[in-house]
Amino acid sequence: MRDIERFVDGFQRFQQQYYESAPALYRNLRDGQHPSTLLIGCCDSRVDPAMLLGCDPGDIFAVRNVANLVPPARADRGLQGVLAAIQFAVEQLQVSRIIVLGHAHCGGIRALMEHRTRSDGETDYLERWMDIAEPARQRVLSQMPEATDAERRRACEQASILISLRNLDELPFVRRAVEAGSLTLHGWYFDLVAGALLAYSPRADAFLPIVCPLFSEHA
């Protein structure tokens, strides 16, 4: 019950901040939302995108799932919840950018790299979902045969972001907006150990710091 009470207390603080102290924000949001950014993030409890980026309500349209993945476009009816949200953001909200935000120590990527399968015969929904990033796992295993498990997981976390960016670019409505110059795609990586934010640079083909770490992992 203490956790529930924390949430109720938290809502009361939210109410005070946005309805009593600064009521104009939600008055302006009553008739609709106009976020400039779609952020595709992980549902990991440590990486809330609004908290990480200091956003107010209405600033970002967020889609969160295990390992911040964008599935490939398919004609069947599977895996369409994320794609529907992306289409809504691009066509209805007309966002000007999409950020895929990955992070260090991702549990979904760990499950992918460990490649365990259920032995009880039940459907493994996690394994099915993480199959989206299987090309990243294969790439890391082939290119980093001598690396440690931790190094491979980090590389796979970043490689999976690139898969999501590629799958985004293959969506017709995303590609049209990119080609029209009204939409840009970004791959970001939050190093939760060092407190740093990295962005993918196509020119360098690497994730480079845009907010430098406060301390090293071994400090």
Protein backbone atom coordinates (compact mmCIF):
# COMPACT_ATOMS: atom_id res chain seq x y z
CA MET A 1 0.00 0.00 0.00
CA ARG A 2 2.89 2.37 0.57
CA ASP A 3 3.70 2.31 -3.15
CA ILE A 4 0.08 3.13 -3.96
CA GLU A 5 0.15 6.00 -1.49
CA ARG A 6 3.33 7.31 -3.15
CA PHE A 7 1.54 7.39 -6.48
CA VAL A 8 -1.47 9.21 -5.03
CA ASP A 9 0.83 11.71 -3.35
CA GLY A 10 2.68 12.10 -6.63
CA PHE A 11 -0.52 12.86 -8.48
CA GLN A 12 -1.40 15.48 -5.89
CA ARG A 13 1.97 17.15 -6.49
CA PHE A 14 1.32 17.01 -10.22
CA GLN A 15 -2.12 18.52 -9.66
CA GLN A 16 -0.66 21.33 -7.61
CA GLN A 17 2.09 22.06 -10.12
CA TYR A 18 0.04 21.99 -13.31
CA TYR A 19 -3.48 22.88 -12.19
CA GLU A 20 -2.87 25.29 -9.32
CA SER A 21 0.55 26.86 -9.78
CA ALA A 22 0.65 26.91 -13.60
CA PRO A 23 -2.87 26.22 -14.91
CA ALA A 24 -2.27 27.78 -18.34
CA LEU A 25 -0.41 24.71 -19.64
CA TYR A 26 -3.31 22.29 -19.32
CA ARG A 27 -5.81 24.91 -20.39
CA ASN A 28 -3.88 25.08 -23.67
CA LEU A 29 -3.75 21.26 -23.90
CA ARG A 30 -7.47 20.68 -23.41
CA ASP A 31 -8.31 21.04 -27.09
CA GLY A 32 -5.46 18.93 -28.40
CA GLN A 33 -1.78 18.11 -28.36
CA HIS A 34 0.92 19.53 -30.60
CA PRO A 35 4.20 17.78 -29.71
CA SER A 36 7.13 18.39 -32.02
CA THR A 37 8.79 15.07 -31.27
CA LEU A 38 7.93 11.39 -31.32
CA LEU A 39 10.20 9.54 -28.92
CA ILE A 40 10.43 5.76 -29.10
CA GLY A 41 11.88 4.60 -25.81
CA CYS A 42 12.24 1.54 -23.62
CA CYS A 43 9.65 0.70 -20.97
CA ASP A 44 12.50 0.21 -18.47
CA SER A 45 11.54 2.01 -15.24
CA ARG A 46 14.96 3.73 -15.09
CA VAL A 47 14.67 5.60 -18.36
CA ASP A 48 11.49 7.66 -18.33
CA PRO A 49 11.98 9.93 -21.39
CA ALA A 50 10.04 12.90 -20.03
CA MET A 51 12.16 12.87 -16.87
CA LEU A 52 15.43 12.37 -18.72
CA LEU A 53 14.77 15.22 -21.14
CA GLY A 54 13.05 17.61 -18.74
CA CYS A 55 9.78 17.67 -20.67
CA ASP A 56 6.46 19.18 -19.68
CA PRO A 57 3.17 17.51 -20.61
CA GLY A 58 2.54 17.98 -24.32
CA ASP A 59 6.21 18.22 -25.29
CA ILE A 60 6.75 14.69 -26.60
CA PHE A 61 4.58 11.93 -28.02
CA ALA A 62 6.11 8.81 -26.47
CA VAL A 63 5.96 5.16 -27.49
CA ARG A 64 7.59 2.79 -25.02
CA ASN A 65 8.22 -0.92 -25.43
CA VAL A 66 10.82 -3.51 -24.49
CA ALA A 67 14.18 -2.40 -25.91
CA ASN A 68 12.75 0.63 -27.77
CA LEU A 69 12.22 -1.33 -30.99
CA VAL A 70 10.45 -0.38 -34.20
CA PRO A 71 9.14 -3.51 -35.93
CA PRO A 72 9.38 -3.91 -39.69
CA ALA A 73 6.30 -3.08 -41.76
CA ARG A 74 4.27 -6.18 -42.51
CA ALA A 75 1.01 -6.92 -44.27
CA ASP A 76 -0.20 -9.16 -41.44
CA ARG A 77 -1.87 -7.88 -38.29
CA GLY A 78 1.00 -8.64 -35.92
CA LEU A 79 3.18 -6.05 -34.18
CA GLN A 80 1.11 -3.10 -35.39
CA GLY A 81 0.62 -1.15 -32.14
CA VAL A 82 3.96 0.63 -32.43
CA LEU A 83 3.51 1.22 -36.16
CA ALA A 84 0.05 2.69 -35.59
CA ALA A 85 1.47 5.13 -33.03
CA ILE A 86 4.22 6.16 -35.45
CA GLN A 87 1.71 6.72 -38.24
CA PHE A 88 -0.48 8.79 -35.92
CA ALA A 89 2.49 10.93 -34.85
CA VAL A 90 3.69 11.53 -38.40
CA GLU A 91 0.39 11.96 -40.24
CA GLN A 92 -1.93 13.40 -37.59
CA LEU A 93 0.39 15.22 -35.20
CA GLN A 94 2.91 16.06 -37.92
CA VAL A 95 5.91 15.77 -35.62
CA SER A 96 9.14 17.22 -36.98
CA ARG A 97 11.49 14.61 -35.53
CA ILE A 98 11.56 11.01 -34.33
CA ILE A 99 14.09 9.97 -31.70
CA VAL A 100 14.81 6.32 -30.95
CA LEU A 101 16.23 6.38 -27.42
CA GLY A 102 18.11 3.28 -26.34
CA HIS A 103 19.99 2.81 -23.10
CA ALA A 104 22.71 0.90 -21.30
CA HIS A 105 21.94 -2.24 -19.30
CA CYS A 106 18.75 -2.97 -21.25
CA GLY A 107 17.02 -6.11 -20.01
CA GLY A 108 15.48 -6.84 -23.38
CA ILE A 109 18.86 -6.80 -25.10
CA ARG A 110 20.29 -8.98 -22.35
CA ALA A 111 17.52 -11.52 -23.01
CA LEU A 112 18.28 -11.35 -26.74
CA MET A 113 22.00 -11.91 -26.23
CA GLU A 114 21.46 -14.79 -23.81
CA HIS A 115 19.03 -16.28 -26.34
CA ARG A 116 17.15 -18.40 -23.85
CA THR A 117 13.98 -20.25 -24.81
CA ARG A 118 11.12 -21.33 -22.59
CA SER A 119 11.06 -25.00 -21.64
CA ASP A 120 7.46 -25.08 -20.40
CA GLY A 121 5.84 -24.94 -23.83
CA GLU A 122 4.19 -21.55 -23.27
CA THR A 123 4.40 -18.84 -25.89
CA ASP A 124 7.47 -16.69 -25.33
CA TYR A 125 6.23 -13.22 -26.21
CA LEU A 126 9.51 -11.63 -25.20
CA GLU A 127 11.48 -13.84 -27.56
CA ARG A 128 9.05 -13.10 -30.39
CA TRP A 129 9.38 -9.36 -29.83
CA MET A 130 13.15 -9.40 -29.52
CA ASP A 131 13.43 -11.25 -32.83
CA ILE A 132 13.14 -7.77 -34.35
CA ALA A 133 16.68 -7.10 -33.14
CA GLU A 134 18.11 -10.52 -34.07
CA PRO A 135 20.20 -9.02 -36.91
CA ALA A 136 21.91 -6.83 -34.32
CA ARG A 137 22.79 -9.87 -32.21
CA GLN A 138 24.17 -11.72 -35.23
CA ARG A 139 26.23 -8.69 -36.26
CA VAL A 140 27.73 -8.29 -32.81
CA LEU A 141 28.58 -11.98 -32.47
CA SER A 142 30.29 -12.04 -35.85
CA GLN A 143 32.19 -8.78 -35.45
CA MET A 144 33.16 -9.06 -31.76
CA PRO A 145 34.17 -12.70 -31.15
CA GLU A 146 36.73 -11.78 -28.49
CA ALA A 147 34.66 -9.17 -26.63
CA THR A 148 33.27 -9.58 -23.14
CA ASP A 149 29.56 -10.18 -22.59
CA ALA A 150 29.15 -6.63 -21.31
CA GLU A 151 30.86 -5.19 -24.41
CA ARG A 152 28.66 -7.28 -26.68
CA ARG A 153 25.48 -6.21 -24.89
CA ARG A 154 26.42 -2.54 -25.20
CA ALA A 155 27.22 -2.97 -28.88
CA CYS A 156 23.92 -4.77 -29.42
CA GLU A 157 22.00 -2.04 -27.58
CA GLN A 158 23.40 0.49 -30.03
CA ALA A 159 23.08 -1.73 -33.11
CA SER A 160 19.40 -2.35 -32.33
CA ILE A 161 18.79 1.41 -32.46
CA LEU A 162 20.08 1.39 -36.03
CA ILE A 163 17.68 -1.43 -36.90
CA SER A 164 14.80 0.64 -35.57
CA LEU A 165 15.96 3.64 -37.63
CA ARG A 166 16.13 1.47 -40.73
CA ASN A 167 12.64 0.09 -40.08
CA LEU A 168 11.38 3.64 -39.61
CA ASP A 169 12.86 4.73 -42.92
CA GLU A 170 11.11 1.85 -44.69
CA LEU A 171 7.66 3.08 -43.63
CA PRO A 172 6.23 4.92 -46.66
CA PHE A 173 4.70 7.79 -44.67
CA VAL A 174 7.96 8.31 -42.78
CA ARG A 175 10.04 8.25 -45.94
CA ARG A 176 7.76 10.76 -47.65
CA ALA A 177 8.06 13.16 -44.72
CA VAL A 178 11.85 12.75 -44.57
CA GLU A 179 12.21 13.34 -48.30
CA ALA A 180 9.98 16.41 -48.01
CA GLY A 181 12.30 17.81 -45.35
CA SER A 182 9.57 17.96 -42.70
CA LEU A 183 10.86 15.06 -40.60
CA THR A 184 14.26 14.01 -39.25
CA LEU A 185 15.27 10.71 -37.63
CA HIS A 186 17.66 10.43 -34.69
CA GLY A 187 19.23 7.58 -32.75
CA TRP A 188 20.17 8.38 -29.15
CA TYR A 189 21.73 6.24 -26.43
CA PHE A 190 21.53 6.96 -22.71
CA ASP A 191 24.51 5.65 -20.74
CA LEU A 192 22.81 5.37 -17.37
CA VAL A 193 26.08 4.35 -15.69
CA ALA A 194 28.06 7.42 -16.70
CA GLY A 195 25.12 9.79 -17.01
CA ALA A 196 25.90 10.57 -20.66
CA LEU A 197 23.80 10.99 -23.79
CA LEU A 198 25.14 9.81 -27.14
CA ALA A 199 23.77 10.32 -30.65
CA TYR A 200 24.39 8.25 -33.75
CA SER A 201 26.51 10.01 -36.38
CA PRO A 202 26.07 8.53 -39.87
CA ARG A 203 29.30 10.25 -40.95
CA ALA A 204 31.33 8.59 -38.18
CA ASP A 205 29.12 5.46 -38.13
CA ALA A 206 29.31 5.63 -34.35
CA PHE A 207 27.50 6.93 -31.29
CA LEU A 208 29.17 10.14 -30.15
CA PRO A 209 28.56 12.11 -26.93
CA ILE A 210 26.22 15.08 -27.16
CA VAL A 211 26.07 15.40 -23.36
CA CYS A 212 29.33 14.25 -21.81
CA PRO A 213 29.49 11.88 -18.84
CA LEU A 214 29.73 13.23 -15.33
CA PHE A 215 31.91 10.36 -14.18
CA SER A 216 33.38 7.14 -15.52
CA GLU A 217 31.86 3.72 -14.95
CA HIS A 218 34.82 2.77 -12.81
CA ALA A 219 34.94 5.96 -10.73
